[in-house]
Amino acid sequence: MLRSLPPVAIALGVAGLVPFMLLGLGAVGANADRSFGAAEALVGYGAVILAFLGGVHWGFTLGEAEDRAAVRARLALGVLPSLVGWLAILCGIVGLPVSSMVVLIAGFTGTLVVEFRAQKRDLLPAGYLALRTALTCVVVPILTAVLVIRMIGGHVLL
């Protein structure tokens, strides 16, 4: 794939970090009710974004003339981020909120690893991996900080 990313894709990708930042701050706030709600919203948003990342790969694959086995494999891998996001939400529902963050961190990291492999096979548009790497390098530390701060019972004054 030789197409480069349109500037609007980059701008929207960066704008998509705003909810992570705001919800991350809210999730470690001093007000227990608000911080719990923000943490739940952060997990939900993270799950939605993971599902979106899988969908992106479906879009890449459906336009390709690869062999059928490769297309099936890429489509199957495209579903995994959605399932990981759903698992993160499920962890919160069954009372394992710390696990929700761990699952999201693993999901974003794992998706990026798969994308690095796809890039080696020239299956991604120019600039896509750089954008995804930059975004993941913001999202994963936010999720990790929320996880650690909530695990130690800390908060920030907001």
N, C-alpha and C. Protein backbone atom coordinates (compact mmCIF):
# COMPACT_ATOMS: atom_id res chain seq x y z
N MET A 1 0.84 -1.18 0.00
CA MET A 1 0.00 0.00 0.00
C MET A 1 0.88 1.23 0.00
N LEU A 2 0.73 2.05 -0.99
CA LEU A 2 1.59 3.21 -1.09
C LEU A 2 0.90 4.52 -0.74
N ARG A 3 -0.42 4.50 -0.58
CA ARG A 3 -1.13 5.73 -0.26
C ARG A 3 -0.66 6.29 1.07
N SER A 4 -0.57 7.61 1.14
CA SER A 4 -0.21 8.22 2.42
C SER A 4 -1.49 8.64 3.13
N LEU A 5 -1.36 8.96 4.39
CA LEU A 5 -2.52 9.36 5.18
C LEU A 5 -2.92 10.79 4.87
N PRO A 6 -4.22 11.04 4.74
CA PRO A 6 -4.65 12.43 4.56
C PRO A 6 -4.45 13.20 5.87
N PRO A 7 -4.15 14.49 5.79
CA PRO A 7 -3.93 15.28 7.00
C PRO A 7 -5.09 15.22 7.99
N VAL A 8 -6.31 15.12 7.49
CA VAL A 8 -7.45 15.06 8.40
C VAL A 8 -7.41 13.79 9.26
N ALA A 9 -6.88 12.70 8.72
CA ALA A 9 -6.76 11.47 9.50
C ALA A 9 -5.80 11.67 10.67
N ILE A 10 -4.74 12.39 10.41
CA ILE A 10 -3.76 12.68 11.47
C ILE A 10 -4.40 13.58 12.52
N ALA A 11 -5.08 14.63 12.07
CA ALA A 11 -5.72 15.57 13.01
C ALA A 11 -6.77 14.85 13.86
N LEU A 12 -7.58 14.01 13.25
CA LEU A 12 -8.61 13.29 14.00
C LEU A 12 -8.00 12.26 14.96
N GLY A 13 -6.92 11.64 14.52
CA GLY A 13 -6.22 10.71 15.41
C GLY A 13 -5.71 11.41 16.66
N VAL A 14 -5.11 12.56 16.47
CA VAL A 14 -4.60 13.33 17.60
C VAL A 14 -5.76 13.83 18.46
N ALA A 15 -6.83 14.28 17.84
CA ALA A 15 -8.00 14.74 18.59
C ALA A 15 -8.60 13.60 19.42
N GLY A 16 -8.46 12.39 18.94
CA GLY A 16 -8.97 11.24 19.67
C GLY A 16 -8.24 10.99 20.98
N LEU A 17 -7.12 11.65 21.19
CA LEU A 17 -6.39 11.54 22.46
C LEU A 17 -7.05 12.37 23.56
N VAL A 18 -7.81 13.38 23.19
CA VAL A 18 -8.40 14.28 24.19
C VAL A 18 -9.27 13.51 25.20
N PRO A 19 -10.18 12.64 24.76
CA PRO A 19 -10.95 11.89 25.76
C PRO A 19 -10.06 11.02 26.66
N PHE A 20 -9.01 10.43 26.12
CA PHE A 20 -8.11 9.65 26.96
C PHE A 20 -7.50 10.54 28.04
N MET A 21 -7.05 11.73 27.66
CA MET A 21 -6.42 12.63 28.63
C MET A 21 -7.42 13.12 29.68
N LEU A 22 -8.59 13.57 29.23
CA LEU A 22 -9.57 14.11 30.17
C LEU A 22 -10.13 13.02 31.09
N LEU A 23 -10.47 11.89 30.52
CA LEU A 23 -11.00 10.80 31.34
C LEU A 23 -9.92 10.23 32.25
N GLY A 24 -8.68 10.19 31.77
CA GLY A 24 -7.58 9.73 32.60
C GLY A 24 -7.40 10.61 33.82
N LEU A 25 -7.45 11.93 33.62
CA LEU A 25 -7.36 12.85 34.75
C LEU A 25 -8.54 12.68 35.69
N GLY A 26 -9.72 12.57 35.10
CA GLY A 26 -10.92 12.38 35.93
C GLY A 26 -10.89 11.09 36.71
N ALA A 27 -10.28 10.05 36.14
CA ALA A 27 -10.26 8.74 36.78
C ALA A 27 -9.37 8.71 38.02
N VAL A 28 -8.51 9.69 38.18
CA VAL A 28 -7.65 9.75 39.36
C VAL A 28 -7.96 10.98 40.21
N GLY A 29 -9.13 11.56 39.98
CA GLY A 29 -9.54 12.73 40.74
C GLY A 29 -9.90 12.40 42.18
N ALA A 30 -10.02 13.43 43.00
CA ALA A 30 -10.27 13.27 44.42
C ALA A 30 -11.71 12.84 44.72
N ASN A 31 -12.65 13.18 43.88
CA ASN A 31 -14.05 12.81 44.11
C ASN A 31 -14.25 11.35 43.70
N ALA A 32 -14.54 10.50 44.66
CA ALA A 32 -14.63 9.05 44.42
C ALA A 32 -15.68 8.69 43.38
N ASP A 33 -16.87 9.30 43.48
CA ASP A 33 -17.93 8.97 42.52
C ASP A 33 -17.56 9.37 41.11
N ARG A 34 -17.03 10.58 40.97
CA ARG A 34 -16.65 11.05 39.64
C ARG A 34 -15.47 10.25 39.08
N SER A 35 -14.51 9.93 39.94
CA SER A 35 -13.35 9.20 39.44
C SER A 35 -13.74 7.79 39.01
N PHE A 36 -14.67 7.17 39.72
CA PHE A 36 -15.14 5.84 39.31
C PHE A 36 -15.84 5.93 37.96
N GLY A 37 -16.70 6.91 37.80
CA GLY A 37 -17.40 7.09 36.53
C GLY A 37 -16.45 7.40 35.39
N ALA A 38 -15.45 8.23 35.66
CA ALA A 38 -14.47 8.57 34.63
C ALA A 38 -13.65 7.34 34.25
N ALA A 39 -13.31 6.52 35.24
CA ALA A 39 -12.56 5.29 34.94
C ALA A 39 -13.39 4.35 34.07
N GLU A 40 -14.67 4.21 34.38
CA GLU A 40 -15.55 3.38 33.55
C GLU A 40 -15.64 3.94 32.13
N ALA A 41 -15.79 5.26 32.04
CA ALA A 41 -15.87 5.89 30.72
C ALA A 41 -14.56 5.72 29.95
N LEU A 42 -13.44 5.79 30.65
CA LEU A 42 -12.14 5.58 30.01
C LEU A 42 -12.03 4.17 29.44
N VAL A 43 -12.47 3.19 30.19
CA VAL A 43 -12.45 1.80 29.70
C VAL A 43 -13.38 1.68 28.49
N GLY A 44 -14.55 2.26 28.57
CA GLY A 44 -15.49 2.20 27.44
C GLY A 44 -14.92 2.85 26.19
N TYR A 45 -14.33 4.03 26.36
CA TYR A 45 -13.74 4.72 25.21
C TYR A 45 -12.58 3.92 24.64
N GLY A 46 -11.74 3.39 25.52
CA GLY A 46 -10.62 2.56 25.06
C GLY A 46 -11.11 1.36 24.27
N ALA A 47 -12.19 0.73 24.74
CA ALA A 47 -12.74 -0.43 24.04
C ALA A 47 -13.26 -0.04 22.66
N VAL A 48 -13.91 1.11 22.57
CA VAL A 48 -14.43 1.59 21.28
C VAL A 48 -13.27 1.85 20.32
N ILE A 49 -12.22 2.47 20.82
CA ILE A 49 -11.08 2.77 19.95
C ILE A 49 -10.40 1.48 19.49
N LEU A 50 -10.27 0.50 20.38
CA LEU A 50 -9.71 -0.79 19.95
C LEU A 50 -10.56 -1.40 18.84
N ALA A 51 -11.88 -1.35 19.00
CA ALA A 51 -12.76 -1.89 17.95
C ALA A 51 -12.54 -1.14 16.63
N PHE A 52 -12.38 0.16 16.71
CA PHE A 52 -12.12 0.96 15.53
C PHE A 52 -10.83 0.53 14.85
N LEU A 53 -9.79 0.26 15.64
CA LEU A 53 -8.51 -0.16 15.07
C LEU A 53 -8.64 -1.47 14.30
N GLY A 54 -9.43 -2.39 14.83
CA GLY A 54 -9.68 -3.63 14.09
C GLY A 54 -10.43 -3.36 12.80
N GLY A 55 -11.39 -2.45 12.86
CA GLY A 55 -12.16 -2.09 11.67
C GLY A 55 -11.30 -1.48 10.58
N VAL A 56 -10.30 -0.69 10.99
CA VAL A 56 -9.38 -0.10 10.02
C VAL A 56 -8.72 -1.21 9.21
N HIS A 57 -8.32 -2.27 9.88
CA HIS A 57 -7.64 -3.36 9.18
C HIS A 57 -8.60 -4.12 8.27
N TRP A 58 -9.86 -4.19 8.63
CA TRP A 58 -10.84 -4.77 7.71
C TRP A 58 -10.88 -3.94 6.44
N GLY A 59 -10.91 -2.62 6.62
CA GLY A 59 -10.94 -1.74 5.44
C GLY A 59 -9.72 -1.92 4.56
N PHE A 60 -8.55 -2.04 5.17
CA PHE A 60 -7.34 -2.27 4.39
C PHE A 60 -7.45 -3.58 3.62
N THR A 61 -7.96 -4.60 4.25
CA THR A 61 -7.99 -5.95 3.67
C THR A 61 -9.02 -6.08 2.57
N LEU A 62 -10.17 -5.51 2.75
CA LEU A 62 -11.25 -5.70 1.77
C LEU A 62 -10.92 -5.13 0.40
N GLY A 63 -10.01 -4.17 0.36
CA GLY A 63 -9.63 -3.60 -0.92
C GLY A 63 -8.44 -4.28 -1.58
N GLU A 64 -7.91 -5.29 -0.95
CA GLU A 64 -6.71 -5.95 -1.46
C GLU A 64 -7.06 -7.19 -2.27
N ALA A 65 -6.14 -7.56 -3.16
CA ALA A 65 -6.31 -8.76 -3.97
C ALA A 65 -5.33 -9.84 -3.49
N GLU A 66 -5.29 -10.06 -2.17
CA GLU A 66 -4.40 -11.07 -1.62
C GLU A 66 -5.01 -12.46 -1.82
N ASP A 67 -4.23 -13.46 -1.51
CA ASP A 67 -4.78 -14.80 -1.56
C ASP A 67 -5.79 -14.97 -0.44
N ARG A 68 -6.72 -15.88 -0.62
CA ARG A 68 -7.84 -16.03 0.32
C ARG A 68 -7.40 -16.33 1.74
N ALA A 69 -6.39 -17.14 1.92
CA ALA A 69 -5.93 -17.48 3.27
C ALA A 69 -5.40 -16.24 3.99
N ALA A 70 -4.66 -15.41 3.28
CA ALA A 70 -4.13 -14.18 3.89
C ALA A 70 -5.26 -13.23 4.25
N VAL A 71 -6.26 -13.10 3.39
CA VAL A 71 -7.40 -12.23 3.67
C VAL A 71 -8.14 -12.74 4.91
N ARG A 72 -8.38 -14.03 4.98
CA ARG A 72 -9.08 -14.60 6.15
C ARG A 72 -8.29 -14.33 7.43
N ALA A 73 -6.99 -14.50 7.38
CA ALA A 73 -6.16 -14.28 8.56
C ALA A 73 -6.21 -12.81 8.98
N ARG A 74 -6.11 -11.90 8.03
CA ARG A 74 -6.15 -10.47 8.37
C ARG A 74 -7.51 -10.06 8.90
N LEU A 75 -8.57 -10.61 8.33
CA LEU A 75 -9.91 -10.30 8.84
C LEU A 75 -10.09 -10.83 10.26
N ALA A 76 -9.59 -12.02 10.51
CA ALA A 76 -9.68 -12.60 11.86
C ALA A 76 -8.90 -11.74 12.85
N LEU A 77 -7.70 -11.33 12.47
CA LEU A 77 -6.92 -10.47 13.35
C LEU A 77 -7.60 -9.11 13.56
N GLY A 78 -8.34 -8.66 12.57
CA GLY A 78 -9.07 -7.41 12.69
C GLY A 78 -10.18 -7.46 13.72
N VAL A 79 -10.66 -8.65 14.02
CA VAL A 79 -11.73 -8.81 15.02
C VAL A 79 -11.16 -8.82 16.44
N LEU A 80 -9.93 -9.23 16.60
CA LEU A 80 -9.34 -9.36 17.94
C LEU A 80 -9.38 -8.08 18.78
N PRO A 81 -9.06 -6.91 18.24
CA PRO A 81 -9.13 -5.72 19.09
C PRO A 81 -10.54 -5.48 19.66
N SER A 82 -11.57 -5.78 18.89
CA SER A 82 -12.94 -5.63 19.39
C SER A 82 -13.20 -6.57 20.55
N LEU A 83 -12.73 -7.80 20.42
CA LEU A 83 -12.92 -8.78 21.49
C LEU A 83 -12.14 -8.40 22.75
N VAL A 84 -10.96 -7.86 22.57
CA VAL A 84 -10.16 -7.41 23.71
C VAL A 84 -10.87 -6.24 24.41
N GLY A 85 -11.38 -5.31 23.63
CA GLY A 85 -12.13 -4.19 24.20
C GLY A 85 -13.35 -4.66 24.96
N TRP A 86 -14.08 -5.62 24.40
CA TRP A 86 -15.24 -6.17 25.08
C TRP A 86 -14.83 -6.84 26.38
N LEU A 87 -13.72 -7.57 26.37
CA LEU A 87 -13.22 -8.21 27.58
C LEU A 87 -12.89 -7.17 28.65
N ALA A 88 -12.32 -6.04 28.24
CA ALA A 88 -12.01 -4.97 29.19
C ALA A 88 -13.29 -4.45 29.85
N ILE A 89 -14.33 -4.26 29.07
CA ILE A 89 -15.61 -3.81 29.61
C ILE A 89 -16.18 -4.88 30.54
N LEU A 90 -16.12 -6.12 30.11
CA LEU A 90 -16.64 -7.23 30.91
C LEU A 90 -15.93 -7.31 32.26
N CYS A 91 -14.63 -7.10 32.29
CA CYS A 91 -13.88 -7.12 33.55
C CYS A 91 -14.45 -6.10 34.53
N GLY A 92 -14.78 -4.93 34.04
CA GLY A 92 -15.36 -3.90 34.90
C GLY A 92 -16.74 -4.29 35.39
N ILE A 93 -17.52 -4.91 34.54
CA ILE A 93 -18.88 -5.32 34.92
C ILE A 93 -18.86 -6.38 36.02
N VAL A 94 -17.92 -7.30 35.94
CA VAL A 94 -17.86 -8.38 36.94
C VAL A 94 -17.03 -8.00 38.16
N GLY A 95 -16.66 -6.73 38.26
CA GLY A 95 -16.00 -6.26 39.47
C GLY A 95 -14.49 -6.37 39.48
N LEU A 96 -13.88 -6.35 38.31
CA LEU A 96 -12.42 -6.40 38.22
C LEU A 96 -11.90 -5.17 37.47
N PRO A 97 -12.12 -3.96 38.03
CA PRO A 97 -11.76 -2.74 37.29
C PRO A 97 -10.27 -2.63 36.98
N VAL A 98 -9.41 -3.11 37.86
CA VAL A 98 -7.97 -3.07 37.58
C VAL A 98 -7.66 -3.90 36.35
N SER A 99 -8.31 -5.04 36.23
CA SER A 99 -8.11 -5.91 35.07
C SER A 99 -8.52 -5.21 33.78
N SER A 100 -9.54 -4.37 33.85
CA SER A 100 -9.98 -3.64 32.65
C SER A 100 -8.84 -2.83 32.05
N MET A 101 -8.12 -2.11 32.90
CA MET A 101 -7.00 -1.30 32.41
C MET A 101 -5.88 -2.18 31.87
N VAL A 102 -5.60 -3.28 32.56
CA VAL A 102 -4.54 -4.19 32.10
C VAL A 102 -4.89 -4.75 30.73
N VAL A 103 -6.14 -5.14 30.54
CA VAL A 103 -6.58 -5.69 29.26
C VAL A 103 -6.45 -4.64 28.15
N LEU A 104 -6.83 -3.40 28.44
CA LEU A 104 -6.69 -2.35 27.43
C LEU A 104 -5.23 -2.09 27.09
N ILE A 105 -4.38 -2.03 28.09
CA ILE A 105 -2.95 -1.82 27.84
C ILE A 105 -2.42 -2.94 26.95
N ALA A 106 -2.78 -4.16 27.26
CA ALA A 106 -2.35 -5.30 26.44
C ALA A 106 -2.95 -5.21 25.04
N GLY A 107 -4.19 -4.78 24.94
CA GLY A 107 -4.85 -4.68 23.63
C GLY A 107 -4.19 -3.65 22.73
N PHE A 108 -3.92 -2.47 23.27
CA PHE A 108 -3.27 -1.44 22.46
C PHE A 108 -1.85 -1.84 22.08
N THR A 109 -1.13 -2.42 23.02
CA THR A 109 0.23 -2.85 22.76
C THR A 109 0.25 -3.98 21.73
N GLY A 110 -0.61 -4.97 21.92
CA GLY A 110 -0.67 -6.11 20.99
C GLY A 110 -1.07 -5.69 19.59
N THR A 111 -2.02 -4.76 19.50
CA THR A 111 -2.43 -4.28 18.19
C THR A 111 -1.27 -3.60 17.48
N LEU A 112 -0.51 -2.81 18.21
CA LEU A 112 0.64 -2.14 17.60
C LEU A 112 1.69 -3.15 17.15
N VAL A 113 1.91 -4.19 17.92
CA VAL A 113 2.87 -5.23 17.53
C VAL A 113 2.44 -5.88 16.21
N VAL A 114 1.16 -6.20 16.10
CA VAL A 114 0.64 -6.80 14.86
C VAL A 114 0.80 -5.82 13.71
N GLU A 115 0.58 -4.54 13.98
CA GLU A 115 0.73 -3.54 12.91
C GLU A 115 2.18 -3.40 12.46
N PHE A 116 3.13 -3.54 13.37
CA PHE A 116 4.54 -3.54 12.97
C PHE A 116 4.82 -4.71 12.02
N ARG A 117 4.23 -5.85 12.31
CA ARG A 117 4.41 -7.02 11.44
C ARG A 117 3.77 -6.77 10.08
N ALA A 118 2.60 -6.13 10.08
CA ALA A 118 1.92 -5.82 8.82
C ALA A 118 2.74 -4.83 7.99
N GLN A 119 3.37 -3.88 8.66
CA GLN A 119 4.20 -2.90 7.95
C GLN A 119 5.37 -3.58 7.26
N LYS A 120 5.97 -4.57 7.91
CA LYS A 120 7.09 -5.30 7.31
C LYS A 120 6.67 -6.00 6.02
N ARG A 121 5.39 -6.33 5.92
CA ARG A 121 4.88 -6.98 4.71
C ARG A 121 4.27 -5.96 3.75
N ASP A 122 4.48 -4.67 4.02
CA ASP A 122 3.98 -3.57 3.18
C ASP A 122 2.45 -3.62 3.04
N LEU A 123 1.77 -3.87 4.15
CA LEU A 123 0.31 -3.97 4.14
C LEU A 123 -0.39 -2.73 4.69
N LEU A 124 0.36 -1.71 5.03
CA LEU A 124 -0.22 -0.50 5.61
C LEU A 124 0.15 0.71 4.77
N PRO A 125 -0.72 1.72 4.76
CA PRO A 125 -0.40 2.93 4.02
C PRO A 125 0.78 3.67 4.66
N ALA A 126 1.46 4.45 3.84
CA ALA A 126 2.59 5.24 4.33
C ALA A 126 2.10 6.17 5.44
N GLY A 127 2.83 6.22 6.51
CA GLY A 127 2.50 7.12 7.61
C GLY A 127 1.58 6.53 8.66
N TYR A 128 0.88 5.44 8.32
CA TYR A 128 -0.08 4.87 9.27
C TYR A 128 0.62 4.38 10.54
N LEU A 129 1.69 3.63 10.38
CA LEU A 129 2.36 3.06 11.55
C LEU A 129 2.98 4.16 12.42
N ALA A 130 3.50 5.19 11.81
CA ALA A 130 4.06 6.30 12.60
C ALA A 130 2.97 6.97 13.43
N LEU A 131 1.82 7.19 12.83
CA LEU A 131 0.70 7.79 13.56
C LEU A 131 0.25 6.87 14.68
N ARG A 132 0.05 5.60 14.38
CA ARG A 132 -0.42 4.64 15.39
C ARG A 132 0.59 4.50 16.52
N THR A 133 1.87 4.51 16.19
CA THR A 133 2.90 4.41 17.23
C THR A 133 2.83 5.63 18.15
N ALA A 134 2.75 6.80 17.57
CA ALA A 134 2.68 8.03 18.37
C ALA A 134 1.45 8.03 19.27
N LEU A 135 0.31 7.65 18.71
CA LEU A 135 -0.93 7.64 19.50
C LEU A 135 -0.86 6.61 20.63
N THR A 136 -0.34 5.43 20.31
CA THR A 136 -0.22 4.38 21.32
C THR A 136 0.76 4.79 22.41
N CYS A 137 1.79 5.54 22.04
CA CYS A 137 2.78 6.01 23.02
C CYS A 137 2.21 7.09 23.94
N VAL A 138 1.04 7.58 23.65
CA VAL A 138 0.33 8.49 24.57
C VAL A 138 -0.72 7.69 25.35
N VAL A 139 -1.48 6.85 24.66
CA VAL A 139 -2.58 6.12 25.29
C VAL A 139 -2.09 5.14 26.35
N VAL A 140 -1.10 4.35 26.04
CA VAL A 140 -0.64 3.32 26.99
C VAL A 140 -0.10 3.96 28.28
N PRO A 141 0.71 5.01 28.22
CA PRO A 141 1.13 5.64 29.49
C PRO A 141 -0.04 6.24 30.29
N ILE A 142 -1.03 6.79 29.61
CA ILE A 142 -2.19 7.31 30.34
C ILE A 142 -2.89 6.17 31.07
N LEU A 143 -3.16 5.08 30.36
CA LEU A 143 -3.82 3.94 31.00
C LEU A 143 -2.97 3.37 32.13
N THR A 144 -1.67 3.30 31.92
CA THR A 144 -0.77 2.77 32.94
C THR A 144 -0.76 3.68 34.17
N ALA A 145 -0.71 4.98 33.96
CA ALA A 145 -0.73 5.92 35.09
C ALA A 145 -2.02 5.80 35.89
N VAL A 146 -3.14 5.73 35.18
CA VAL A 146 -4.44 5.57 35.87
C VAL A 146 -4.43 4.27 36.66
N LEU A 147 -3.97 3.20 36.04
CA LEU A 147 -3.91 1.90 36.71
C LEU A 147 -3.08 1.98 37.99
N VAL A 148 -1.88 2.52 37.90
CA VAL A 148 -0.98 2.57 39.06
C VAL A 148 -1.54 3.48 40.14
N ILE A 149 -2.00 4.66 39.77
CA ILE A 149 -2.52 5.60 40.76
C ILE A 149 -3.74 5.02 41.47
N ARG A 150 -4.63 4.39 40.71
CA ARG A 150 -5.82 3.80 41.34
C ARG A 150 -5.45 2.59 42.21
N MET A 151 -4.44 1.83 41.79
CA MET A 151 -4.04 0.66 42.59
C MET A 151 -3.44 1.06 43.94
N ILE A 152 -2.72 2.17 43.96
CA ILE A 152 -2.12 2.59 45.23
C ILE A 152 -3.06 3.48 46.03
N GLY A 153 -4.24 3.71 45.50
CA GLY A 153 -5.23 4.51 46.23
C GLY A 153 -4.97 5.99 46.18
N GLY A 154 -4.16 6.40 45.24
CA GLY A 154 -3.85 7.82 45.12
C GLY A 154 -4.87 8.56 44.29
N HIS A 155 -4.73 9.87 44.26
CA HIS A 155 -5.58 10.72 43.41
C HIS A 155 -4.86 12.05 43.21
N VAL A 156 -5.36 12.79 42.26
CA VAL A 156 -4.87 14.15 42.03
C VAL A 156 -5.99 15.10 42.39
N LEU A 157 -5.64 16.27 42.81
CA LEU A 157 -6.66 17.25 43.19
C LEU A 157 -7.18 17.93 41.94
N LEU A 158 -8.45 17.70 41.66
CA LEU A 158 -9.07 18.34 40.49
C LEU A 158 -10.29 19.11 40.94
